[in-house]
Amino acid sequence: MTRTRDMLLAEQALVGLRLRGQQVQAVVTVFADEVRRRSSADLGAVDSRMLLTALHDLPVDLPVPQASLDAHTLRTLRTAPPGVVDLGQDERGVVVRRLVPAVRVELVLVHGPHGISSREWDAAVRDGSQFAPFCARGVVVSRPAPEPECTDMDLLILKARFYGVGVALRESPESLRWLLEPAPYRPERHSAAQWLFHEQAWRQLGPDRF
């Protein structure tokens, strides 16, 4: 995976998304094989949390006996659109999960139109922190005045480091530079909620943008 520093400096890699109620910019990895598979099945984003929860514990492309699944899970799987799961099409009495994520959000940046001002820094770190279960995260700040905001910047860096949130400086409309790189994203576990987050990103992106 490309290091976050390189991804951030490649401004063209950032895409605008609305995630968890916030307008952000994000670095997204696209899995071309799954995008093509979904396209051939006329399948877009799958952002039903109930369905993703039912799929999450199933292996990919391996048959699972329907008898091993509870009735609620089977009912949920039967609501899936074509291309998500096979229910006995090739072999009676089994379920085969076909769906895998089409994209993965690698990094989310929280910022205003011209970077976040010093009055908003504290709230911005809290806003960035909510993405911790899903990806690396950072805030983009505007260039501070010489004094007294430099002291505020030092406090921002300390707080952001504590929460694992990166701090980037917008040097110009086209240029960002890390003052503090975000903590690496190391999830303690994988969940349907994380999968849903990436599907919500894919619903906004769609295959036409890649």
C-alpha atoms as a PDB file:
ATOM      1  CA  MET A   1       0.000   0.000   0.000  1.00  0.00           C
ATOM      2  CA  THR A   2       1.240   3.507  -0.823  1.00  0.00           C
ATOM      3  CA  ARG A   3       2.353   5.414   2.250  1.00  0.00           C
ATOM      4  CA  THR A   4      -0.142   7.994   3.453  1.00  0.00           C
ATOM      5  CA  ARG A   5       2.352  10.839   2.967  1.00  0.00           C
ATOM      6  CA  ASP A   6       2.604  10.048  -0.734  1.00  0.00           C
ATOM      7  CA  MET A   7      -1.143   9.652  -1.087  1.00  0.00           C
ATOM      8  CA  LEU A   8      -1.795  13.012   0.521  1.00  0.00           C
ATOM      9  CA  LEU A   9       0.689  14.852  -1.642  1.00  0.00           C
ATOM     10  CA  ALA A  10      -0.960  13.373  -4.750  1.00  0.00           C
ATOM     11  CA  GLU A  11      -3.896  15.783  -4.587  1.00  0.00           C
ATOM     12  CA  GLN A  12      -5.626  14.083  -7.509  1.00  0.00           C
ATOM     13  CA  ALA A  13      -6.026  10.954  -5.352  1.00  0.00           C
ATOM     14  CA  LEU A  14      -8.439  12.778  -3.040  1.00  0.00           C
ATOM     15  CA  VAL A  15     -12.163  12.466  -3.741  1.00  0.00           C
ATOM     16  CA  GLY A  16     -15.030  14.299  -2.082  1.00  0.00           C
ATOM     17  CA  LEU A  17     -17.442  12.143  -0.068  1.00  0.00           C
ATOM     18  CA  ARG A  18     -20.089  12.537   2.591  1.00  0.00           C
ATOM     19  CA  LEU A  19     -19.401   9.989   5.320  1.00  0.00           C
ATOM     20  CA  ARG A  20     -20.909   9.750   8.803  1.00  0.00           C
ATOM     21  CA  GLY A  21     -22.694  13.029   8.266  1.00  0.00           C
ATOM     22  CA  GLN A  22     -19.586  14.993   7.284  1.00  0.00           C
ATOM     23  CA  GLN A  23     -18.310  16.308   3.979  1.00  0.00           C
ATOM     24  CA  VAL A  24     -14.740  15.042   3.715  1.00  0.00           C
ATOM     25  CA  GLN A  25     -12.030  14.233   1.246  1.00  0.00           C
ATOM     26  CA  ALA A  26     -10.796  10.684   1.083  1.00  0.00           C
ATOM     27  CA  VAL A  27      -8.165   8.454  -0.425  1.00  0.00           C
ATOM     28  CA  VAL A  28      -9.851   5.350  -1.801  1.00  0.00           C
ATOM     29  CA  THR A  29      -8.478   2.061  -3.129  1.00  0.00           C
ATOM     30  CA  VAL A  30     -10.633   0.519  -5.862  1.00  0.00           C
ATOM     31  CA  PHE A  31     -10.700  -3.253  -6.366  1.00  0.00           C
ATOM     32  CA  ALA A  32     -11.046  -3.502 -10.131  1.00  0.00           C
ATOM     33  CA  ASP A  33     -11.967  -7.205 -10.270  1.00  0.00           C
ATOM     34  CA  GLU A  34     -14.955  -6.709  -7.984  1.00  0.00           C
ATOM     35  CA  VAL A  35     -16.004  -3.544  -9.819  1.00  0.00           C
ATOM     36  CA  ARG A  36     -16.039  -5.480 -13.105  1.00  0.00           C
ATOM     37  CA  ARG A  37     -17.904  -8.396 -11.529  1.00  0.00           C
ATOM     38  CA  ARG A  38     -20.552  -6.090 -10.115  1.00  0.00           C
ATOM     39  CA  SER A  39     -20.867  -4.270 -13.403  1.00  0.00           C
ATOM     40  CA  SER A  40     -21.518  -7.530 -15.262  1.00  0.00           C
ATOM     41  CA  ALA A  41     -24.210  -8.377 -12.708  1.00  0.00           C
ATOM     42  CA  ASP A  42     -25.672  -4.837 -12.880  1.00  0.00           C
ATOM     43  CA  LEU A  43     -24.967  -4.549  -9.168  1.00  0.00           C
ATOM     44  CA  GLY A  44     -24.142  -1.282  -7.441  1.00  0.00           C
ATOM     45  CA  ALA A  45     -23.374  -0.589  -3.787  1.00  0.00           C
ATOM     46  CA  VAL A  46     -24.822  -2.917  -1.178  1.00  0.00           C
ATOM     47  CA  ASP A  47     -25.397  -0.763   1.875  1.00  0.00           C
ATOM     48  CA  SER A  48     -27.921  -2.815   3.820  1.00  0.00           C
ATOM     49  CA  ARG A  49     -26.363  -3.365   7.228  1.00  0.00           C
ATOM     50  CA  MET A  50     -28.592  -6.393   7.824  1.00  0.00           C
ATOM     51  CA  LEU A  51     -27.475  -8.042   4.591  1.00  0.00           C
ATOM     52  CA  LEU A  52     -23.797  -7.246   5.125  1.00  0.00           C
ATOM     53  CA  THR A  53     -24.022  -8.693   8.637  1.00  0.00           C
ATOM     54  CA  ALA A  54     -25.435 -11.925   7.221  1.00  0.00           C
ATOM     55  CA  LEU A  55     -22.686 -12.062   4.584  1.00  0.00           C
ATOM     56  CA  HIS A  56     -19.809 -11.075   6.830  1.00  0.00           C
ATOM     57  CA  ASP A  57     -19.193 -14.469   8.415  1.00  0.00           C
ATOM     58  CA  LEU A  58     -19.540 -16.416   5.165  1.00  0.00           C
ATOM     59  CA  PRO A  59     -16.378 -17.378   3.243  1.00  0.00           C
ATOM     60  CA  VAL A  60     -16.029 -16.022  -0.287  1.00  0.00           C
ATOM     61  CA  ASP A  61     -16.717 -18.409  -3.202  1.00  0.00           C
ATOM     62  CA  LEU A  62     -17.004 -21.447  -0.925  1.00  0.00           C
ATOM     63  CA  PRO A  63     -20.237 -23.437  -0.434  1.00  0.00           C
ATOM     64  CA  VAL A  64     -21.817 -23.344   3.013  1.00  0.00           C
ATOM     65  CA  PRO A  65     -24.690 -25.729   3.848  1.00  0.00           C
ATOM     66  CA  GLN A  66     -27.930 -23.821   4.241  1.00  0.00           C
ATOM     67  CA  ALA A  67     -28.759 -26.129   7.137  1.00  0.00           C
ATOM     68  CA  SER A  68     -25.878 -24.585   9.117  1.00  0.00           C
ATOM     69  CA  LEU A  69     -27.455 -21.099   8.954  1.00  0.00           C
ATOM     70  CA  ASP A  70     -30.287 -19.844  11.140  1.00  0.00           C
ATOM     71  CA  ALA A  71     -33.656 -18.961   9.650  1.00  0.00           C
ATOM     72  CA  HIS A  72     -33.149 -15.192  10.034  1.00  0.00           C
ATOM     73  CA  THR A  73     -29.857 -15.295   8.126  1.00  0.00           C
ATOM     74  CA  LEU A  74     -31.386 -17.319   5.305  1.00  0.00           C
ATOM     75  CA  ARG A  75     -34.347 -14.955   5.022  1.00  0.00           C
ATOM     76  CA  THR A  76     -31.968 -12.016   4.847  1.00  0.00           C
ATOM     77  CA  LEU A  77     -29.804 -13.672   2.183  1.00  0.00           C
ATOM     78  CA  ARG A  78     -32.877 -14.356   0.060  1.00  0.00           C
ATOM     79  CA  THR A  79     -33.498 -10.592  -0.134  1.00  0.00           C
ATOM     80  CA  ALA A  80     -30.098 -10.000  -1.730  1.00  0.00           C
ATOM     81  CA  PRO A  81     -29.999  -8.656  -5.293  1.00  0.00           C
ATOM     82  CA  PRO A  82     -28.396 -10.753  -8.041  1.00  0.00           C
ATOM     83  CA  GLY A  83     -24.632 -10.966  -7.818  1.00  0.00           C
ATOM     84  CA  VAL A  84     -24.433 -10.929  -4.025  1.00  0.00           C
ATOM     85  CA  VAL A  85     -24.942 -14.578  -3.089  1.00  0.00           C
ATOM     86  CA  ASP A  86     -25.820 -17.853  -4.787  1.00  0.00           C
ATOM     87  CA  LEU A  87     -28.531 -19.842  -3.054  1.00  0.00           C
ATOM     88  CA  GLY A  88     -28.347 -23.327  -4.489  1.00  0.00           C
ATOM     89  CA  GLN A  89     -28.023 -22.279  -8.135  1.00  0.00           C
ATOM     90  CA  ASP A  90     -25.060 -24.573  -8.767  1.00  0.00           C
ATOM     91  CA  GLU A  91     -25.480 -26.980  -5.890  1.00  0.00           C
ATOM     92  CA  ARG A  92     -28.691 -27.597  -3.991  1.00  0.00           C
ATOM     93  CA  GLY A  93     -28.785 -26.859  -0.297  1.00  0.00           C
ATOM     94  CA  VAL A  94     -25.760 -24.566  -0.171  1.00  0.00           C
ATOM     95  CA  VAL A  95     -25.036 -20.843  -0.010  1.00  0.00           C
ATOM     96  CA  VAL A  96     -22.079 -19.232  -1.792  1.00  0.00           C
ATOM     97  CA  ARG A  97     -21.122 -15.655  -1.010  1.00  0.00           C
ATOM     98  CA  ARG A  98     -19.940 -13.749  -4.082  1.00  0.00           C
ATOM     99  CA  LEU A  99     -19.841 -10.183  -2.763  1.00  0.00           C
ATOM    100  CA  VAL A 100     -16.598  -8.606  -1.570  1.00  0.00           C
ATOM    101  CA  PRO A 101     -15.861  -4.893  -1.060  1.00  0.00           C
ATOM    102  CA  ALA A 102     -15.486  -2.845  -4.254  1.00  0.00           C
ATOM    103  CA  VAL A 103     -13.445  -0.130  -2.536  1.00  0.00           C
ATOM    104  CA  ARG A 104     -11.598   0.558   0.683  1.00  0.00           C
ATOM    105  CA  VAL A 105     -11.380   4.034   2.175  1.00  0.00           C
ATOM    106  CA  GLU A 106      -7.753   4.437   3.248  1.00  0.00           C
ATOM    107  CA  LEU A 107      -7.761   7.987   4.624  1.00  0.00           C
ATOM    108  CA  VAL A 108     -10.365  10.617   5.499  1.00  0.00           C
ATOM    109  CA  LEU A 109      -9.518  14.328   5.741  1.00  0.00           C
ATOM    110  CA  VAL A 110     -11.774  16.759   7.592  1.00  0.00           C
ATOM    111  CA  HIS A 111     -11.417  20.395   6.498  1.00  0.00           C
ATOM    112  CA  GLY A 112     -13.171  23.593   5.535  1.00  0.00           C
ATOM    113  CA  PRO A 113     -13.072  25.270   2.119  1.00  0.00           C
ATOM    114  CA  HIS A 114      -9.731  26.909   2.927  1.00  0.00           C
ATOM    115  CA  GLY A 115      -8.592  24.710   5.796  1.00  0.00           C
ATOM    116  CA  ILE A 116      -9.832  24.752   9.368  1.00  0.00           C
ATOM    117  CA  SER A 117      -9.147  27.923  11.355  1.00  0.00           C
ATOM    118  CA  SER A 118      -7.651  27.917  14.845  1.00  0.00           C
ATOM    119  CA  ARG A 119     -11.083  28.528  16.406  1.00  0.00           C
ATOM    120  CA  GLU A 120     -12.292  25.205  14.973  1.00  0.00           C
ATOM    121  CA  TRP A 121      -9.223  23.029  15.521  1.00  0.00           C
ATOM    122  CA  ASP A 122     -10.414  21.368  18.720  1.00  0.00           C
ATOM    123  CA  ALA A 123     -13.778  20.340  17.255  1.00  0.00           C
ATOM    124  CA  ALA A 124     -12.106  19.178  14.035  1.00  0.00           C
ATOM    125  CA  VAL A 125      -9.903  16.705  15.914  1.00  0.00           C
ATOM    126  CA  ARG A 126     -13.019  15.270  17.557  1.00  0.00           C
ATOM    127  CA  ASP A 127     -14.716  15.048  14.157  1.00  0.00           C
ATOM    128  CA  GLY A 128     -11.710  13.250  12.706  1.00  0.00           C
ATOM    129  CA  SER A 129     -11.563  10.839  15.646  1.00  0.00           C
ATOM    130  CA  GLN A 130     -14.919   9.291  14.789  1.00  0.00           C
ATOM    131  CA  PHE A 131     -13.362   7.659  11.709  1.00  0.00           C
ATOM    132  CA  ALA A 132     -10.921   5.650  13.846  1.00  0.00           C
ATOM    133  CA  PRO A 133     -12.807   2.319  13.421  1.00  0.00           C
ATOM    134  CA  PHE A 134     -12.729   2.638   9.633  1.00  0.00           C
ATOM    135  CA  CYS A 135      -9.524   4.184   8.270  1.00  0.00           C
ATOM    136  CA  ALA A 136      -6.655   6.575   8.889  1.00  0.00           C
ATOM    137  CA  ARG A 137      -7.860  10.131   9.513  1.00  0.00           C
ATOM    138  CA  GLY A 138      -6.601  13.672   9.502  1.00  0.00           C
ATOM    139  CA  VAL A 139      -7.605  17.322   9.621  1.00  0.00           C
ATOM    140  CA  VAL A 140      -6.534  20.065   7.209  1.00  0.00           C
ATOM    141  CA  VAL A 141      -5.754  23.396   8.837  1.00  0.00           C
ATOM    142  CA  SER A 142      -5.185  26.849   7.382  1.00  0.00           C
ATOM    143  CA  ARG A 143      -1.810  28.531   7.740  1.00  0.00           C
ATOM    144  CA  PRO A 144      -1.618  30.058  11.233  1.00  0.00           C
ATOM    145  CA  ALA A 145      -0.678  33.642  11.986  1.00  0.00           C
ATOM    146  CA  PRO A 146       2.758  34.117  13.590  1.00  0.00           C
ATOM    147  CA  GLU A 147       1.402  34.755  17.137  1.00  0.00           C
ATOM    148  CA  PRO A 148      -0.497  33.862  19.278  1.00  0.00           C
ATOM    149  CA  GLU A 149      -1.872  31.074  17.096  1.00  0.00           C
ATOM    150  CA  CYS A 150       1.444  29.220  16.965  1.00  0.00           C
ATOM    151  CA  THR A 151       0.850  28.180  20.572  1.00  0.00           C
ATOM    152  CA  ASP A 152      -2.597  26.948  19.555  1.00  0.00           C
ATOM    153  CA  MET A 153      -0.985  24.935  16.761  1.00  0.00           C
ATOM    154  CA  ASP A 154       1.362  23.267  19.238  1.00  0.00           C
ATOM    155  CA  LEU A 155      -1.623  22.284  21.389  1.00  0.00           C
ATOM    156  CA  LEU A 156      -3.450  21.001  18.334  1.00  0.00           C
ATOM    157  CA  ILE A 157      -0.487  18.783  17.396  1.00  0.00           C
ATOM    158  CA  LEU A 158      -0.336  17.368  20.937  1.00  0.00           C
ATOM    159  CA  LYS A 159      -4.044  16.606  21.032  1.00  0.00           C
ATOM    160  CA  ALA A 160      -4.112  15.191  17.517  1.00  0.00           C
ATOM    161  CA  ARG A 161      -1.155  12.907  18.276  1.00  0.00           C
ATOM    162  CA  PHE A 162      -2.991  11.576  21.352  1.00  0.00           C
ATOM    163  CA  TYR A 163      -6.008  10.632  19.217  1.00  0.00           C
ATOM    164  CA  GLY A 164      -3.983   9.359  16.263  1.00  0.00           C
ATOM    165  CA  VAL A 165      -5.328  12.093  13.985  1.00  0.00           C
ATOM    166  CA  GLY A 166      -2.996  13.558  11.374  1.00  0.00           C
ATOM    167  CA  VAL A 167      -2.641  17.304  10.850  1.00  0.00           C
ATOM    168  CA  ALA A 168      -2.048  18.661   7.349  1.00  0.00           C
ATOM    169  CA  LEU A 169      -1.354  22.259   6.400  1.00  0.00           C
ATOM    170  CA  ARG A 170      -2.981  23.694   3.280  1.00  0.00           C
ATOM    171  CA  GLU A 171      -0.112  25.639   1.766  1.00  0.00           C
ATOM    172  CA  SER A 172      -2.048  26.600  -1.369  1.00  0.00           C
ATOM    173  CA  PRO A 173      -5.311  25.563  -3.057  1.00  0.00           C
ATOM    174  CA  GLU A 174      -3.426  22.664  -4.697  1.00  0.00           C
ATOM    175  CA  SER A 175      -0.906  21.743  -2.008  1.00  0.00           C
ATOM    176  CA  LEU A 176      -1.143  19.938   1.329  1.00  0.00           C
ATOM    177  CA  ARG A 177       1.709  19.061   3.660  1.00  0.00           C
ATOM    178  CA  TRP A 178       1.685  16.893   6.766  1.00  0.00           C
ATOM    179  CA  LEU A 179       2.627  18.597  10.011  1.00  0.00           C
ATOM    180  CA  LEU A 180       1.767  15.353  11.793  1.00  0.00           C
ATOM    181  CA  GLU A 181       1.130  12.096   9.947  1.00  0.00           C
ATOM    182  CA  PRO A 182      -1.910  10.102  11.059  1.00  0.00           C
ATOM    183  CA  ALA A 183      -1.498   6.960  13.096  1.00  0.00           C
ATOM    184  CA  PRO A 184      -1.482   3.818  10.913  1.00  0.00           C
ATOM    185  CA  TYR A 185      -4.873   2.174  10.664  1.00  0.00           C
ATOM    186  CA  ARG A 186      -4.736  -1.150  12.481  1.00  0.00           C
ATOM    187  CA  PRO A 187      -8.249  -2.457  13.147  1.00  0.00           C
ATOM    188  CA  GLU A 188      -8.604  -4.756  16.135  1.00  0.00           C
ATOM    189  CA  ARG A 189     -11.234  -6.698  14.229  1.00  0.00           C
ATOM    190  CA  HIS A 190     -13.182  -6.576  10.992  1.00  0.00           C
ATOM    191  CA  SER A 191     -16.915  -6.019  11.109  1.00  0.00           C
ATOM    192  CA  ALA A 192     -19.997  -5.532   8.992  1.00  0.00           C
ATOM    193  CA  ALA A 193     -20.041  -1.881  10.142  1.00  0.00           C
ATOM    194  CA  GLN A 194     -16.648  -1.320   8.499  1.00  0.00           C
ATOM    195  CA  TRP A 195     -17.856  -3.009   5.318  1.00  0.00           C
ATOM    196  CA  LEU A 196     -20.943  -0.780   5.339  1.00  0.00           C
ATOM    197  CA  PHE A 197     -18.713   2.303   5.599  1.00  0.00           C
ATOM    198  CA  HIS A 198     -16.859   1.316   2.427  1.00  0.00           C
ATOM    199  CA  GLU A 199     -20.095   0.460   0.587  1.00  0.00           C
ATOM    200  CA  GLN A 200     -21.457   3.907   1.455  1.00  0.00           C
ATOM    201  CA  ALA A 201     -18.352   5.384  -0.135  1.00  0.00           C
ATOM    202  CA  TRP A 202     -18.801   3.244  -3.242  1.00  0.00           C
ATOM    203  CA  ARG A 203     -22.434   4.312  -3.610  1.00  0.00           C
ATOM    204  CA  GLN A 204     -21.225   7.891  -3.968  1.00  0.00           C
ATOM    205  CA  LEU A 205     -18.336   7.080  -6.279  1.00  0.00           C
ATOM    206  CA  GLY A 206     -19.672   4.519  -8.722  1.00  0.00           C
ATOM    207  CA  PRO A 207     -17.717   2.867 -11.538  1.00  0.00           C
ATOM    208  CA  ASP A 208     -17.847   5.895 -13.844  1.00  0.00           C
ATOM    209  CA  ARG A 209     -15.331   7.803 -11.727  1.00  0.00           C
ATOM    210  CA  PHE A 210     -12.606   5.157 -12.077  1.00  0.00           C
END
